[in-house]
């Protein structure tokens, strides 16, 4: 990422017309766990073993990330963001930045709770996060999404947010599409 954690944290929260995007905090962990345990989340997450963990183990991992965000000097691990209604603070979803891959792209993922899907929240927040990432992580090539082909809603969101289809491959649970949004190259 090539940025210090303190500099990164100082850039948050980020706002859109309806949403507040902030770094996962200790007050968000319990609600976050509730959502990532639900079938809608696990259906498209490619699992990564989360279904085998107890709530306690998931909470411990998330709380250790929260501690890391408050004490680390450098960004080295995943960064989890929460998306909330900017007026009420209700949780809309989440965004995760993963460590930069070998090609110089930052893999990201996002999710929206079912009662807020279909309202443009994913498009609004992903567009804003992509704009933010291009400025904050300009030394990297861009952002990368991996979306299961059967997740038609996410495929539409990726396209609306300026991502382009890079390739298709067979994953654990079916065919996946890789979408990228390249950063403009500044000299």
C-alpha atoms as a PDB file:
ATOM      1  CA  UNK A   1       0.000   0.000   0.000  1.00  0.00           C
ATOM      2  CA  UNK A   2       2.979   2.307   0.641  1.00  0.00           C
ATOM      3  CA  UNK A   3       1.154   4.434   3.211  1.00  0.00           C
ATOM      4  CA  UNK A   4       1.424   4.745   6.956  1.00  0.00           C
ATOM      5  CA  UNK A   5      -1.580   3.617   8.981  1.00  0.00           C
ATOM      6  CA  UNK A   6      -1.959   6.997  10.680  1.00  0.00           C
ATOM      7  CA  UNK A   7      -2.107   8.802   7.314  1.00  0.00           C
ATOM      8  CA  UNK A   8      -4.651   6.261   6.075  1.00  0.00           C
ATOM      9  CA  UNK A   9      -6.839   6.558   9.175  1.00  0.00           C
ATOM     10  CA  UNK A  10      -6.818  10.350   8.923  1.00  0.00           C
ATOM     11  CA  UNK A  11      -8.604  10.087   5.577  1.00  0.00           C
ATOM     12  CA  UNK A  12     -11.716   8.572   7.211  1.00  0.00           C
ATOM     13  CA  UNK A  13     -14.626   8.769   7.458  1.00  0.00           C
ATOM     14  CA  UNK A  14     -15.446   9.185   3.788  1.00  0.00           C
ATOM     15  CA  UNK A  15     -18.937  10.322   2.838  1.00  0.00           C
ATOM     16  CA  UNK A  16     -21.231   9.781  -0.123  1.00  0.00           C
ATOM     17  CA  UNK A  17     -24.692  11.269  -0.566  1.00  0.00           C
ATOM     18  CA  UNK A  18     -26.225   8.666   1.759  1.00  0.00           C
ATOM     19  CA  UNK A  19     -23.354   6.814   3.367  1.00  0.00           C
ATOM     20  CA  UNK A  20     -20.542   7.148   5.837  1.00  0.00           C
ATOM     21  CA  UNK A  21     -17.575   4.845   5.171  1.00  0.00           C
ATOM     22  CA  UNK A  22     -15.277   4.275   8.125  1.00  0.00           C
ATOM     23  CA  UNK A  23     -12.647   1.865   9.391  1.00  0.00           C
ATOM     24  CA  UNK A  24     -14.079  -1.085  11.317  1.00  0.00           C
ATOM     25  CA  UNK A  25     -14.243  -0.117  14.974  1.00  0.00           C
ATOM     26  CA  UNK A  26     -14.806  -2.114  18.151  1.00  0.00           C
ATOM     27  CA  UNK A  27     -18.456  -0.967  18.331  1.00  0.00           C
ATOM     28  CA  UNK A  28     -19.073  -2.419  14.859  1.00  0.00           C
ATOM     29  CA  UNK A  29     -17.704  -5.925  15.484  1.00  0.00           C
ATOM     30  CA  UNK A  30     -20.838  -7.575  16.920  1.00  0.00           C
ATOM     31  CA  UNK A  31     -23.148  -6.354  14.131  1.00  0.00           C
ATOM     32  CA  UNK A  32     -20.493  -7.191  11.533  1.00  0.00           C
ATOM     33  CA  UNK A  33     -20.327 -10.776  12.829  1.00  0.00           C
ATOM     34  CA  UNK A  34     -24.120 -11.080  12.717  1.00  0.00           C
ATOM     35  CA  UNK A  35     -24.126 -10.148   9.034  1.00  0.00           C
ATOM     36  CA  UNK A  36     -21.166 -12.209   7.831  1.00  0.00           C
ATOM     37  CA  UNK A  37     -22.696 -15.343   9.368  1.00  0.00           C
ATOM     38  CA  UNK A  38     -25.890 -15.026   7.324  1.00  0.00           C
ATOM     39  CA  UNK A  39     -26.453 -17.166   4.211  1.00  0.00           C
ATOM     40  CA  UNK A  40     -26.481 -14.184   1.814  1.00  0.00           C
ATOM     41  CA  UNK A  41     -22.908 -13.341   2.814  1.00  0.00           C
ATOM     42  CA  UNK A  42     -21.568 -16.890   2.712  1.00  0.00           C
ATOM     43  CA  UNK A  43     -23.250 -17.597  -0.643  1.00  0.00           C
ATOM     44  CA  UNK A  44     -20.871 -15.372  -2.592  1.00  0.00           C
ATOM     45  CA  UNK A  45     -17.862 -15.105  -0.299  1.00  0.00           C
ATOM     46  CA  UNK A  46     -16.054 -18.213  -1.633  1.00  0.00           C
ATOM     47  CA  UNK A  47     -16.160 -19.069   2.085  1.00  0.00           C
ATOM     48  CA  UNK A  48     -12.458 -18.799   3.035  1.00  0.00           C
ATOM     49  CA  UNK A  49     -13.276 -21.119   5.961  1.00  0.00           C
ATOM     50  CA  UNK A  50     -15.389 -18.592   7.866  1.00  0.00           C
ATOM     51  CA  UNK A  51     -18.294 -21.018   8.238  1.00  0.00           C
ATOM     52  CA  UNK A  52     -16.033 -23.342  10.268  1.00  0.00           C
ATOM     53  CA  UNK A  53     -15.112 -20.665  12.818  1.00  0.00           C
ATOM     54  CA  UNK A  54     -17.085 -20.010  15.987  1.00  0.00           C
ATOM     55  CA  UNK A  55     -18.499 -16.545  16.629  1.00  0.00           C
ATOM     56  CA  UNK A  56     -15.830 -16.191  19.320  1.00  0.00           C
ATOM     57  CA  UNK A  57     -13.041 -16.947  16.812  1.00  0.00           C
ATOM     58  CA  UNK A  58     -14.461 -14.511  14.255  1.00  0.00           C
ATOM     59  CA  UNK A  59     -14.818 -11.840  16.963  1.00  0.00           C
ATOM     60  CA  UNK A  60     -11.248 -12.434  18.114  1.00  0.00           C
ATOM     61  CA  UNK A  61      -9.949 -11.997  14.551  1.00  0.00           C
ATOM     62  CA  UNK A  62     -11.978  -8.845  13.956  1.00  0.00           C
ATOM     63  CA  UNK A  63     -11.011  -7.351  17.324  1.00  0.00           C
ATOM     64  CA  UNK A  64      -7.340  -8.078  16.612  1.00  0.00           C
ATOM     65  CA  UNK A  65      -7.758  -6.141  13.329  1.00  0.00           C
ATOM     66  CA  UNK A  66      -9.303  -3.232  15.250  1.00  0.00           C
ATOM     67  CA  UNK A  67      -6.314  -3.304  17.635  1.00  0.00           C
ATOM     68  CA  UNK A  68      -3.950  -3.448  14.672  1.00  0.00           C
ATOM     69  CA  UNK A  69      -5.600  -0.365  13.134  1.00  0.00           C
ATOM     70  CA  UNK A  70      -5.017   1.592  16.341  1.00  0.00           C
ATOM     71  CA  UNK A  71      -1.438   0.487  17.007  1.00  0.00           C
ATOM     72  CA  UNK A  72       0.291  -0.322  13.704  1.00  0.00           C
ATOM     73  CA  UNK A  73       2.661   2.058  11.987  1.00  0.00           C
ATOM     74  CA  UNK A  74       2.349   0.531   8.512  1.00  0.00           C
ATOM     75  CA  UNK A  75      -0.502  -0.935   6.509  1.00  0.00           C
ATOM     76  CA  UNK A  76       0.360  -4.611   6.086  1.00  0.00           C
ATOM     77  CA  UNK A  77      -2.856  -6.597   6.389  1.00  0.00           C
ATOM     78  CA  UNK A  78      -6.419  -6.380   5.185  1.00  0.00           C
ATOM     79  CA  UNK A  79      -8.376  -3.235   5.910  1.00  0.00           C
ATOM     80  CA  UNK A  80     -12.052  -3.656   6.731  1.00  0.00           C
ATOM     81  CA  UNK A  81     -14.387  -0.734   6.312  1.00  0.00           C
ATOM     82  CA  UNK A  82     -18.007  -0.452   7.354  1.00  0.00           C
ATOM     83  CA  UNK A  83     -20.645   1.373   5.343  1.00  0.00           C
ATOM     84  CA  UNK A  84     -23.355   3.056   7.384  1.00  0.00           C
ATOM     85  CA  UNK A  85     -26.308   5.339   6.841  1.00  0.00           C
ATOM     86  CA  UNK A  86     -24.744   8.758   7.386  1.00  0.00           C
ATOM     87  CA  UNK A  87     -27.786  10.001   9.310  1.00  0.00           C
ATOM     88  CA  UNK A  88     -28.843   7.051  11.494  1.00  0.00           C
ATOM     89  CA  UNK A  89     -25.615   5.048  11.646  1.00  0.00           C
ATOM     90  CA  UNK A  90     -27.434   1.874  10.543  1.00  0.00           C
ATOM     91  CA  UNK A  91     -25.059  -0.695   9.026  1.00  0.00           C
ATOM     92  CA  UNK A  92     -25.458  -0.968   5.245  1.00  0.00           C
ATOM     93  CA  UNK A  93     -22.494  -3.249   4.520  1.00  0.00           C
ATOM     94  CA  UNK A  94     -18.739  -3.517   4.319  1.00  0.00           C
ATOM     95  CA  UNK A  95     -15.711  -3.145   2.073  1.00  0.00           C
ATOM     96  CA  UNK A  96     -12.400  -4.978   2.452  1.00  0.00           C
ATOM     97  CA  UNK A  97      -9.043  -3.992   0.983  1.00  0.00           C
ATOM     98  CA  UNK A  98      -6.680  -6.970   0.792  1.00  0.00           C
ATOM     99  CA  UNK A  99      -2.877  -6.729   0.508  1.00  0.00           C
ATOM    100  CA  UNK A 100      -1.541  -5.748  -2.907  1.00  0.00           C
ATOM    101  CA  UNK A 101      -1.228  -8.748  -5.222  1.00  0.00           C
ATOM    102  CA  UNK A 102       1.816  -9.744  -7.299  1.00  0.00           C
ATOM    103  CA  UNK A 103       0.504  -7.753 -10.289  1.00  0.00           C
ATOM    104  CA  UNK A 104       0.319  -4.488  -8.311  1.00  0.00           C
ATOM    105  CA  UNK A 105      -3.472  -4.472  -7.957  1.00  0.00           C
ATOM    106  CA  UNK A 106      -5.364  -4.151  -4.676  1.00  0.00           C
ATOM    107  CA  UNK A 107      -7.999  -6.889  -4.357  1.00  0.00           C
ATOM    108  CA  UNK A 108     -11.192  -5.612  -2.760  1.00  0.00           C
ATOM    109  CA  UNK A 109     -14.516  -7.067  -1.783  1.00  0.00           C
ATOM    110  CA  UNK A 110     -17.808  -5.541  -0.721  1.00  0.00           C
ATOM    111  CA  UNK A 111     -21.200  -6.591   0.587  1.00  0.00           C
ATOM    112  CA  UNK A 112     -24.544  -4.961   1.360  1.00  0.00           C
ATOM    113  CA  UNK A 113     -27.096  -6.280   3.859  1.00  0.00           C
ATOM    114  CA  UNK A 114     -30.132  -7.736   2.037  1.00  0.00           C
ATOM    115  CA  UNK A 115     -32.642  -5.104   3.180  1.00  0.00           C
ATOM    116  CA  UNK A 116     -30.521  -2.405   1.510  1.00  0.00           C
ATOM    117  CA  UNK A 117     -29.645  -4.247  -1.704  1.00  0.00           C
ATOM    118  CA  UNK A 118     -31.031  -2.898  -4.962  1.00  0.00           C
ATOM    119  CA  UNK A 119     -30.950   0.723  -3.741  1.00  0.00           C
ATOM    120  CA  UNK A 120     -27.670   1.753  -5.372  1.00  0.00           C
ATOM    121  CA  UNK A 121     -25.650   1.661  -2.147  1.00  0.00           C
ATOM    122  CA  UNK A 122     -22.994  -0.717  -3.519  1.00  0.00           C
ATOM    123  CA  UNK A 123     -22.580   1.419  -6.652  1.00  0.00           C
ATOM    124  CA  UNK A 124     -22.418   4.653  -4.641  1.00  0.00           C
ATOM    125  CA  UNK A 125     -19.857   3.397  -2.129  1.00  0.00           C
ATOM    126  CA  UNK A 126     -17.717   1.367  -4.550  1.00  0.00           C
ATOM    127  CA  UNK A 127     -17.438   4.358  -6.881  1.00  0.00           C
ATOM    128  CA  UNK A 128     -16.391   6.594  -3.979  1.00  0.00           C
ATOM    129  CA  UNK A 129     -13.901   4.032  -2.616  1.00  0.00           C
ATOM    130  CA  UNK A 130     -12.376   3.569  -6.074  1.00  0.00           C
ATOM    131  CA  UNK A 131     -11.886   7.351  -6.354  1.00  0.00           C
ATOM    132  CA  UNK A 132     -10.361   7.410  -2.872  1.00  0.00           C
ATOM    133  CA  UNK A 133      -8.049   4.443  -3.603  1.00  0.00           C
ATOM    134  CA  UNK A 134      -6.755   6.019  -6.812  1.00  0.00           C
ATOM    135  CA  UNK A 135      -5.570   9.050  -4.829  1.00  0.00           C
ATOM    136  CA  UNK A 136      -4.437   7.212  -1.696  1.00  0.00           C
ATOM    137  CA  UNK A 137      -2.692   4.263  -3.375  1.00  0.00           C
ATOM    138  CA  UNK A 138      -1.523   5.882  -6.611  1.00  0.00           C
ATOM    139  CA  UNK A 139       1.668   3.813  -6.696  1.00  0.00           C
ATOM    140  CA  UNK A 140      -0.410   0.687  -7.308  1.00  0.00           C
ATOM    141  CA  UNK A 141      -1.947  -0.288 -10.647  1.00  0.00           C
ATOM    142  CA  UNK A 142      -5.594  -0.317  -9.589  1.00  0.00           C
ATOM    143  CA  UNK A 143      -8.338  -2.305  -7.881  1.00  0.00           C
ATOM    144  CA  UNK A 144      -9.341  -5.906  -8.575  1.00  0.00           C
ATOM    145  CA  UNK A 145     -12.670  -7.599  -7.876  1.00  0.00           C
ATOM    146  CA  UNK A 146     -13.334 -11.331  -8.113  1.00  0.00           C
ATOM    147  CA  UNK A 147     -17.040 -11.980  -8.598  1.00  0.00           C
ATOM    148  CA  UNK A 148     -18.822 -15.290  -8.996  1.00  0.00           C
ATOM    149  CA  UNK A 149     -20.549 -15.385 -12.372  1.00  0.00           C
ATOM    150  CA  UNK A 150     -23.862 -16.259 -10.779  1.00  0.00           C
ATOM    151  CA  UNK A 151     -23.759 -13.023  -8.738  1.00  0.00           C
ATOM    152  CA  UNK A 152     -25.393 -10.947 -11.461  1.00  0.00           C
ATOM    153  CA  UNK A 153     -26.030  -7.954  -9.191  1.00  0.00           C
ATOM    154  CA  UNK A 154     -22.328  -7.586  -8.367  1.00  0.00           C
ATOM    155  CA  UNK A 155     -21.364  -7.949 -12.018  1.00  0.00           C
ATOM    156  CA  UNK A 156     -23.651  -4.996 -12.839  1.00  0.00           C
ATOM    157  CA  UNK A 157     -22.200  -2.955  -9.957  1.00  0.00           C
ATOM    158  CA  UNK A 158     -18.638  -3.586 -11.163  1.00  0.00           C
ATOM    159  CA  UNK A 159     -19.535  -2.418 -14.662  1.00  0.00           C
ATOM    160  CA  UNK A 160     -21.345   0.703 -13.390  1.00  0.00           C
ATOM    161  CA  UNK A 161     -18.331   1.612 -11.237  1.00  0.00           C
ATOM    162  CA  UNK A 162     -15.840   1.654 -14.098  1.00  0.00           C
ATOM    163  CA  UNK A 163     -14.361  -1.828 -13.651  1.00  0.00           C
ATOM    164  CA  UNK A 164     -13.559  -3.840 -16.774  1.00  0.00           C
ATOM    165  CA  UNK A 165     -13.696  -7.591 -17.214  1.00  0.00           C
ATOM    166  CA  UNK A 166     -10.151  -8.963 -17.232  1.00  0.00           C
ATOM    167  CA  UNK A 167     -10.653 -12.734 -17.280  1.00  0.00           C
ATOM    168  CA  UNK A 168     -12.872 -15.655 -16.286  1.00  0.00           C
ATOM    169  CA  UNK A 169     -11.706 -18.748 -14.407  1.00  0.00           C
ATOM    170  CA  UNK A 170     -13.137 -21.778 -12.628  1.00  0.00           C
ATOM    171  CA  UNK A 171     -13.344 -21.309  -8.828  1.00  0.00           C
ATOM    172  CA  UNK A 172     -14.350 -23.540  -5.923  1.00  0.00           C
ATOM    173  CA  UNK A 173     -18.051 -22.823  -6.362  1.00  0.00           C
ATOM    174  CA  UNK A 174     -18.321 -22.150 -10.092  1.00  0.00           C
ATOM    175  CA  UNK A 175     -16.965 -19.702 -12.611  1.00  0.00           C
ATOM    176  CA  UNK A 176     -15.488 -16.428 -11.382  1.00  0.00           C
ATOM    177  CA  UNK A 177     -14.950 -13.190 -13.237  1.00  0.00           C
ATOM    178  CA  UNK A 178     -12.021 -10.915 -12.501  1.00  0.00           C
ATOM    179  CA  UNK A 179     -12.771  -7.212 -12.929  1.00  0.00           C
ATOM    180  CA  UNK A 180     -10.186  -4.417 -12.694  1.00  0.00           C
ATOM    181  CA  UNK A 181     -10.330  -0.674 -12.425  1.00  0.00           C
ATOM    182  CA  UNK A 182      -6.939   0.676 -13.406  1.00  0.00           C
ATOM    183  CA  UNK A 183      -5.612   3.849 -11.881  1.00  0.00           C
ATOM    184  CA  UNK A 184      -4.658   6.546 -14.341  1.00  0.00           C
ATOM    185  CA  UNK A 185      -0.898   6.535 -14.700  1.00  0.00           C
ATOM    186  CA  UNK A 186       0.628   9.788 -13.491  1.00  0.00           C
ATOM    187  CA  UNK A 187       4.177  10.706 -14.375  1.00  0.00           C
END
